[in-house]
Amino acid sequence: MLCLFFFMFYSILTVILCISGELGEKQWGVTYTPDSVCALEGSSVDLFCSYKHPGGLRVTESFWFINEQPEVEQHVALLEDDQYKGRVQYYQNQNQLYHTMRITDLRASDAQTYKFRFITDDPDGKYTGKSGVRLSVPGPKIKVSDTRGGGKLLICSSTCTLTKPTYIWYRNEQPVSEQNGAVLYLRNRTVDAGSYSCAVKEHEEIRSAAVCKTSLYTA
């Protein structure tokens, strides 16, 4: 009878501990909205998250990072990362439990997965949002296709979703006048020969790879 009592007691205690553990885990969390972002080189981007923790705790530190080393529990905050210094700003509201990070002057190397971590006044109260926000930073690209008349169609595009973008075309590093659409038509003639590139207006410093047309046109 005594053995049966201890067995039942142990079983009930195990169930209680499991339920407590599950409830405890549900009290911690980070939600990234959205979980993937696309932005042009040279522009700025905001990465947003909301978070939660058990009541009664106070957040003492919060930051974003990309280099996670779980074996040593060491995380390099972007504010302290030499590659991001002067380009990162935090906007947060601890009462409403949300945090925004702005990165300015985006570079191709900024294409990373960014994670948010916060630390509370409880020695064991630390949490990292595991999924993170995936940031892509593409530059413009040119797609070339043939036309029936022997000419070429050059199409400038970006994998980012842009609202009514204006494109700038360049021939031999000089702007092509009166051309601000995504498509540039080149006739099969010598005068169109040259090296072509494109950029999105207001981000002219970031151009596509050049498409050389010199060898394709003859007199």
C-alpha atoms as a PDB file:
ATOM      1  CA  MET A   1       0.000   0.000   0.000  1.00  0.00           C
ATOM      2  CA  LEU A   2       2.819   2.406   0.878  1.00  0.00           C
ATOM      3  CA  CYS A   3       4.518   1.707  -2.461  1.00  0.00           C
ATOM      4  CA  LEU A   4       1.260   2.402  -4.284  1.00  0.00           C
ATOM      5  CA  PHE A   5       0.893   5.699  -2.423  1.00  0.00           C
ATOM      6  CA  PHE A   6       4.391   6.865  -3.376  1.00  0.00           C
ATOM      7  CA  PHE A   7       3.834   5.771  -6.969  1.00  0.00           C
ATOM      8  CA  MET A   8       0.620   7.794  -7.237  1.00  0.00           C
ATOM      9  CA  PHE A   9       2.242  10.781  -5.525  1.00  0.00           C
ATOM     10  CA  TYR A  10       5.210  10.677  -7.910  1.00  0.00           C
ATOM     11  CA  SER A  11       2.919  10.390 -10.941  1.00  0.00           C
ATOM     12  CA  ILE A  12       0.818  13.383  -9.876  1.00  0.00           C
ATOM     13  CA  LEU A  13       3.932  15.434  -9.101  1.00  0.00           C
ATOM     14  CA  THR A  14       5.382  14.618 -12.532  1.00  0.00           C
ATOM     15  CA  VAL A  15       2.183  15.755 -14.267  1.00  0.00           C
ATOM     16  CA  ILE A  16       2.131  18.997 -12.262  1.00  0.00           C
ATOM     17  CA  LEU A  17       5.763  19.745 -13.092  1.00  0.00           C
ATOM     18  CA  CYS A  18       5.180  19.051 -16.796  1.00  0.00           C
ATOM     19  CA  ILE A  19       2.159  21.338 -16.889  1.00  0.00           C
ATOM     20  CA  SER A  20       4.043  24.047 -14.982  1.00  0.00           C
ATOM     21  CA  GLY A  21       6.947  23.771 -17.401  1.00  0.00           C
ATOM     22  CA  GLU A  22       4.696  24.075 -20.432  1.00  0.00           C
ATOM     23  CA  LEU A  23       2.876  27.067 -18.969  1.00  0.00           C
ATOM     24  CA  GLY A  24       6.213  28.661 -18.078  1.00  0.00           C
ATOM     25  CA  GLU A  25       7.502  28.260 -21.616  1.00  0.00           C
ATOM     26  CA  LYS A  26       4.340  29.828 -23.028  1.00  0.00           C
ATOM     27  CA  GLN A  27       4.935  32.917 -20.882  1.00  0.00           C
ATOM     28  CA  TRP A  28       8.137  33.653 -22.805  1.00  0.00           C
ATOM     29  CA  GLY A  29       8.232  34.549 -26.472  1.00  0.00           C
ATOM     30  CA  VAL A  30       9.351  36.794 -29.320  1.00  0.00           C
ATOM     31  CA  THR A  31       7.246  37.408 -32.431  1.00  0.00           C
ATOM     32  CA  TYR A  32       8.826  38.931 -35.541  1.00  0.00           C
ATOM     33  CA  THR A  33       6.517  40.912 -37.851  1.00  0.00           C
ATOM     34  CA  PRO A  34       7.185  40.245 -40.652  1.00  0.00           C
ATOM     35  CA  ASP A  35       9.739  37.444 -40.517  1.00  0.00           C
ATOM     36  CA  SER A  36      11.355  38.413 -43.840  1.00  0.00           C
ATOM     37  CA  VAL A  37      12.156  41.866 -45.230  1.00  0.00           C
ATOM     38  CA  CYS A  38      13.569  43.081 -48.538  1.00  0.00           C
ATOM     39  CA  ALA A  39      15.247  46.490 -48.875  1.00  0.00           C
ATOM     40  CA  LEU A  40      17.495  48.161 -51.434  1.00  0.00           C
ATOM     41  CA  GLU A  41      21.169  48.827 -50.916  1.00  0.00           C
ATOM     42  CA  GLY A  42      21.732  52.344 -49.630  1.00  0.00           C
ATOM     43  CA  SER A  43      18.264  52.592 -48.091  1.00  0.00           C
ATOM     44  CA  SER A  44      17.062  52.161 -44.496  1.00  0.00           C
ATOM     45  CA  VAL A  45      14.966  49.378 -43.004  1.00  0.00           C
ATOM     46  CA  ASP A  46      13.062  48.785 -39.758  1.00  0.00           C
ATOM     47  CA  LEU A  47      12.982  45.322 -38.167  1.00  0.00           C
ATOM     48  CA  PHE A  48      10.167  44.870 -35.655  1.00  0.00           C
ATOM     49  CA  CYS A  49       9.342  42.390 -32.914  1.00  0.00           C
ATOM     50  CA  SER A  50       7.073  42.070 -29.905  1.00  0.00           C
ATOM     51  CA  TYR A  51       7.971  39.959 -26.877  1.00  0.00           C
ATOM     52  CA  LYS A  52       6.541  38.631 -23.643  1.00  0.00           C
ATOM     53  CA  HIS A  53       7.744  37.348 -20.268  1.00  0.00           C
ATOM     54  CA  PRO A  54       6.187  36.308 -16.943  1.00  0.00           C
ATOM     55  CA  GLY A  55       4.689  39.083 -14.852  1.00  0.00           C
ATOM     56  CA  GLY A  56       6.755  40.621 -12.097  1.00  0.00           C
ATOM     57  CA  LEU A  57       9.999  40.627 -14.087  1.00  0.00           C
ATOM     58  CA  ARG A  58      11.773  43.716 -15.365  1.00  0.00           C
ATOM     59  CA  VAL A  59      13.749  43.804 -18.620  1.00  0.00           C
ATOM     60  CA  THR A  60      17.257  45.056 -17.898  1.00  0.00           C
ATOM     61  CA  GLU A  61      18.810  44.588 -21.336  1.00  0.00           C
ATOM     62  CA  SER A  62      17.577  43.998 -24.877  1.00  0.00           C
ATOM     63  CA  PHE A  63      19.376  43.910 -28.197  1.00  0.00           C
ATOM     64  CA  TRP A  64      19.539  42.519 -31.736  1.00  0.00           C
ATOM     65  CA  PHE A  65      22.367  40.325 -32.994  1.00  0.00           C
ATOM     66  CA  ILE A  66      23.378  38.026 -35.849  1.00  0.00           C
ATOM     67  CA  ASN A  67      26.295  35.987 -34.470  1.00  0.00           C
ATOM     68  CA  GLU A  68      24.983  33.397 -32.032  1.00  0.00           C
ATOM     69  CA  GLN A  69      27.398  31.233 -30.058  1.00  0.00           C
ATOM     70  CA  PRO A  70      25.207  29.053 -27.820  1.00  0.00           C
ATOM     71  CA  GLU A  71      28.155  27.098 -26.454  1.00  0.00           C
ATOM     72  CA  VAL A  72      29.457  30.171 -24.633  1.00  0.00           C
ATOM     73  CA  GLU A  73      26.187  32.129 -24.312  1.00  0.00           C
ATOM     74  CA  GLN A  74      27.883  35.060 -26.014  1.00  0.00           C
ATOM     75  CA  HIS A  75      25.986  37.353 -28.334  1.00  0.00           C
ATOM     76  CA  VAL A  76      27.499  40.360 -30.109  1.00  0.00           C
ATOM     77  CA  ALA A  77      24.965  43.208 -30.060  1.00  0.00           C
ATOM     78  CA  LEU A  78      24.783  45.084 -33.345  1.00  0.00           C
ATOM     79  CA  LEU A  79      25.341  48.385 -31.545  1.00  0.00           C
ATOM     80  CA  GLU A  80      28.788  47.043 -30.633  1.00  0.00           C
ATOM     81  CA  ASP A  81      29.544  45.438 -34.000  1.00  0.00           C
ATOM     82  CA  ASP A  82      32.146  47.417 -35.971  1.00  0.00           C
ATOM     83  CA  GLN A  83      30.347  46.709 -39.258  1.00  0.00           C
ATOM     84  CA  TYR A  84      27.167  48.360 -37.967  1.00  0.00           C
ATOM     85  CA  LYS A  85      28.479  51.188 -35.785  1.00  0.00           C
ATOM     86  CA  GLY A  86      26.754  54.463 -36.595  1.00  0.00           C
ATOM     87  CA  ARG A  87      24.130  52.696 -38.726  1.00  0.00           C
ATOM     88  CA  VAL A  88      21.891  51.104 -36.066  1.00  0.00           C
ATOM     89  CA  GLN A  89      19.211  52.709 -33.889  1.00  0.00           C
ATOM     90  CA  TYR A  90      16.828  51.161 -31.350  1.00  0.00           C
ATOM     91  CA  TYR A  91      13.241  52.219 -30.683  1.00  0.00           C
ATOM     92  CA  GLN A  92      11.540  50.412 -27.835  1.00  0.00           C
ATOM     93  CA  ASN A  93       8.640  50.528 -25.420  1.00  0.00           C
ATOM     94  CA  GLN A  94       9.121  48.193 -22.483  1.00  0.00           C
ATOM     95  CA  ASN A  95       5.616  48.893 -21.179  1.00  0.00           C
ATOM     96  CA  GLN A  96       4.038  47.598 -24.391  1.00  0.00           C
ATOM     97  CA  LEU A  97       6.817  45.039 -24.958  1.00  0.00           C
ATOM     98  CA  TYR A  98       7.887  45.843 -28.489  1.00  0.00           C
ATOM     99  CA  HIS A  99      11.245  46.682 -30.037  1.00  0.00           C
ATOM    100  CA  THR A 100      12.265  48.136 -33.407  1.00  0.00           C
ATOM    101  CA  MET A 101      15.743  48.240 -34.901  1.00  0.00           C
ATOM    102  CA  ARG A 102      16.547  50.587 -37.777  1.00  0.00           C
ATOM    103  CA  ILE A 103      19.549  49.933 -40.017  1.00  0.00           C
ATOM    104  CA  THR A 104      20.598  52.784 -42.299  1.00  0.00           C
ATOM    105  CA  ASP A 105      22.855  52.890 -45.361  1.00  0.00           C
ATOM    106  CA  LEU A 106      22.187  49.227 -46.119  1.00  0.00           C
ATOM    107  CA  ARG A 107      24.975  47.152 -47.633  1.00  0.00           C
ATOM    108  CA  ALA A 108      24.895  43.849 -49.468  1.00  0.00           C
ATOM    109  CA  SER A 109      26.699  42.287 -46.485  1.00  0.00           C
ATOM    110  CA  ASP A 110      23.738  43.209 -44.255  1.00  0.00           C
ATOM    111  CA  ALA A 111      21.738  40.353 -45.795  1.00  0.00           C
ATOM    112  CA  GLN A 112      21.513  38.246 -42.628  1.00  0.00           C
ATOM    113  CA  THR A 113      19.061  36.707 -40.188  1.00  0.00           C
ATOM    114  CA  TYR A 114      18.608  39.061 -37.231  1.00  0.00           C
ATOM    115  CA  LYS A 115      17.488  37.848 -33.815  1.00  0.00           C
ATOM    116  CA  PHE A 116      16.235  39.656 -30.723  1.00  0.00           C
ATOM    117  CA  ARG A 117      17.269  38.791 -27.170  1.00  0.00           C
ATOM    118  CA  PHE A 118      16.181  40.232 -23.838  1.00  0.00           C
ATOM    119  CA  ILE A 119      17.427  39.754 -20.291  1.00  0.00           C
ATOM    120  CA  THR A 120      15.411  40.314 -17.111  1.00  0.00           C
ATOM    121  CA  ASP A 121      16.289  40.921 -13.469  1.00  0.00           C
ATOM    122  CA  ASP A 122      15.802  37.186 -12.822  1.00  0.00           C
ATOM    123  CA  PRO A 123      19.208  35.427 -13.127  1.00  0.00           C
ATOM    124  CA  ASP A 124      17.526  32.707 -15.210  1.00  0.00           C
ATOM    125  CA  GLY A 125      15.224  35.091 -17.068  1.00  0.00           C
ATOM    126  CA  LYS A 126      16.827  35.320 -20.511  1.00  0.00           C
ATOM    127  CA  TYR A 127      15.183  34.675 -23.850  1.00  0.00           C
ATOM    128  CA  THR A 128      16.086  34.741 -27.556  1.00  0.00           C
ATOM    129  CA  GLY A 129      13.579  34.704 -30.393  1.00  0.00           C
ATOM    130  CA  LYS A 130      14.872  31.720 -32.337  1.00  0.00           C
ATOM    131  CA  SER A 131      13.459  32.254 -35.833  1.00  0.00           C
ATOM    132  CA  GLY A 132      14.648  35.819 -36.426  1.00  0.00           C
ATOM    133  CA  VAL A 133      14.022  38.204 -39.313  1.00  0.00           C
ATOM    134  CA  ARG A 134      15.606  37.360 -42.649  1.00  0.00           C
ATOM    135  CA  LEU A 135      16.812  40.517 -44.427  1.00  0.00           C
ATOM    136  CA  SER A 136      17.650  40.473 -48.134  1.00  0.00           C
ATOM    137  CA  VAL A 137      19.460  43.422 -49.722  1.00  0.00           C
ATOM    138  CA  PRO A 138      19.503  42.958 -53.503  1.00  0.00           C
ATOM    139  CA  GLY A 139      20.750  45.438 -56.051  1.00  0.00           C
ATOM    140  CA  PRO A 140      19.028  46.031 -59.403  1.00  0.00           C
ATOM    141  CA  LYS A 141      19.584  43.537 -62.214  1.00  0.00           C
ATOM    142  CA  ILE A 142      19.268  43.677 -65.999  1.00  0.00           C
ATOM    143  CA  LYS A 143      17.607  40.979 -68.061  1.00  0.00           C
ATOM    144  CA  VAL A 144      18.355  40.977 -71.810  1.00  0.00           C
ATOM    145  CA  SER A 145      16.071  39.501 -74.467  1.00  0.00           C
ATOM    146  CA  ASP A 146      15.997  39.580 -78.282  1.00  0.00           C
ATOM    147  CA  THR A 147      13.309  41.271 -80.356  1.00  0.00           C
ATOM    148  CA  ARG A 148      11.941  40.191 -83.733  1.00  0.00           C
ATOM    149  CA  GLY A 149      13.587  43.150 -85.421  1.00  0.00           C
ATOM    150  CA  GLY A 150      17.036  42.129 -84.282  1.00  0.00           C
ATOM    151  CA  GLY A 151      17.220  44.609 -81.434  1.00  0.00           C
ATOM    152  CA  LYS A 152      17.482  44.067 -77.696  1.00  0.00           C
ATOM    153  CA  LEU A 153      15.153  44.633 -74.767  1.00  0.00           C
ATOM    154  CA  LEU A 154      16.857  45.511 -71.496  1.00  0.00           C
ATOM    155  CA  ILE A 155      14.673  45.124 -68.407  1.00  0.00           C
ATOM    156  CA  CYS A 156      15.794  46.575 -65.073  1.00  0.00           C
ATOM    157  CA  SER A 157      14.255  45.019 -61.977  1.00  0.00           C
ATOM    158  CA  SER A 158      14.684  44.368 -58.280  1.00  0.00           C
ATOM    159  CA  THR A 159      13.530  41.364 -56.277  1.00  0.00           C
ATOM    160  CA  CYS A 160      12.161  43.810 -53.679  1.00  0.00           C
ATOM    161  CA  THR A 161       8.547  44.877 -54.089  1.00  0.00           C
ATOM    162  CA  LEU A 162       8.690  48.584 -54.958  1.00  0.00           C
ATOM    163  CA  THR A 163       5.808  51.051 -55.281  1.00  0.00           C
ATOM    164  CA  LYS A 164       5.871  52.665 -58.736  1.00  0.00           C
ATOM    165  CA  PRO A 165       9.667  52.788 -58.993  1.00  0.00           C
ATOM    166  CA  THR A 166      11.483  55.054 -61.420  1.00  0.00           C
ATOM    167  CA  TYR A 167      14.599  53.645 -63.053  1.00  0.00           C
ATOM    168  CA  ILE A 168      17.662  55.473 -64.280  1.00  0.00           C
ATOM    169  CA  TRP A 169      19.528  54.026 -67.269  1.00  0.00           C
ATOM    170  CA  TYR A 170      23.206  54.625 -67.970  1.00  0.00           C
ATOM    171  CA  ARG A 171      25.178  54.170 -71.167  1.00  0.00           C
ATOM    172  CA  ASN A 172      28.954  54.259 -70.771  1.00  0.00           C
ATOM    173  CA  GLU A 173      28.421  55.662 -67.234  1.00  0.00           C
ATOM    174  CA  GLN A 174      26.293  58.565 -68.534  1.00  0.00           C
ATOM    175  CA  PRO A 175      22.513  58.876 -67.966  1.00  0.00           C
ATOM    176  CA  VAL A 176      20.347  57.991 -70.955  1.00  0.00           C
ATOM    177  CA  SER A 177      18.050  60.976 -71.470  1.00  0.00           C
ATOM    178  CA  GLU A 178      14.266  60.559 -71.366  1.00  0.00           C
ATOM    179  CA  GLN A 179      14.501  56.961 -70.183  1.00  0.00           C
ATOM    180  CA  ASN A 180      12.986  56.352 -66.740  1.00  0.00           C
ATOM    181  CA  GLY A 181      11.032  53.141 -67.231  1.00  0.00           C
ATOM    182  CA  ALA A 182      11.994  49.592 -66.420  1.00  0.00           C
ATOM    183  CA  VAL A 183      12.409  48.697 -70.120  1.00  0.00           C
ATOM    184  CA  LEU A 184      15.015  50.052 -72.523  1.00  0.00           C
ATOM    185  CA  TYR A 185      14.759  49.153 -76.212  1.00  0.00           C
ATOM    186  CA  LEU A 186      17.948  49.107 -78.276  1.00  0.00           C
ATOM    187  CA  ARG A 187      17.749  48.935 -82.040  1.00  0.00           C
ATOM    188  CA  ASN A 188      20.274  46.943 -84.011  1.00  0.00           C
ATOM    189  CA  ARG A 189      22.530  49.845 -84.856  1.00  0.00           C
ATOM    190  CA  THR A 190      25.996  51.070 -84.061  1.00  0.00           C
ATOM    191  CA  VAL A 191      24.817  54.203 -82.255  1.00  0.00           C
ATOM    192  CA  ASP A 192      23.327  52.043 -79.492  1.00  0.00           C
ATOM    193  CA  ALA A 193      26.585  50.201 -78.830  1.00  0.00           C
ATOM    194  CA  GLY A 194      28.017  50.631 -75.347  1.00  0.00           C
ATOM    195  CA  SER A 195      27.951  49.459 -71.764  1.00  0.00           C
ATOM    196  CA  TYR A 196      24.551  49.692 -70.055  1.00  0.00           C
ATOM    197  CA  SER A 197      23.567  49.669 -66.396  1.00  0.00           C
ATOM    198  CA  CYS A 198      20.560  50.799 -64.379  1.00  0.00           C
ATOM    199  CA  ALA A 199      19.597  52.024 -60.922  1.00  0.00           C
ATOM    200  CA  VAL A 200      16.471  52.858 -58.951  1.00  0.00           C
ATOM    201  CA  LYS A 201      15.850  56.602 -58.662  1.00  0.00           C
ATOM    202  CA  GLU A 202      17.043  58.063 -55.341  1.00  0.00           C
ATOM    203  CA  HIS A 203      19.418  55.103 -55.048  1.00  0.00           C
ATOM    204  CA  GLU A 204      21.561  55.942 -58.057  1.00  0.00           C
ATOM    205  CA  GLU A 205      24.768  55.114 -56.211  1.00  0.00           C
ATOM    206  CA  ILE A 206      23.811  51.420 -56.362  1.00  0.00           C
ATOM    207  CA  ARG A 207      23.825  50.293 -59.984  1.00  0.00           C
ATOM    208  CA  SER A 208      23.315  46.965 -61.666  1.00  0.00           C
ATOM    209  CA  ALA A 209      26.155  45.035 -63.206  1.00  0.00           C
ATOM    210  CA  ALA A 210      26.960  46.482 -66.632  1.00  0.00           C
ATOM    211  CA  VAL A 211      25.710  44.781 -69.781  1.00  0.00           C
ATOM    212  CA  CYS A 212      28.159  45.346 -72.627  1.00  0.00           C
ATOM    213  CA  LYS A 213      26.645  45.787 -76.084  1.00  0.00           C
ATOM    214  CA  THR A 214      29.677  46.944 -78.038  1.00  0.00           C
ATOM    215  CA  SER A 215      30.331  43.633 -79.777  1.00  0.00           C
ATOM    216  CA  LEU A 216      26.702  43.039 -80.737  1.00  0.00           C
ATOM    217  CA  TYR A 217      26.266  46.011 -83.044  1.00  0.00           C
ATOM    218  CA  THR A 218      28.019  46.589 -86.347  1.00  0.00           C
ATOM    219  CA  ALA A 219      27.666  49.264 -89.007  1.00  0.00           C
END
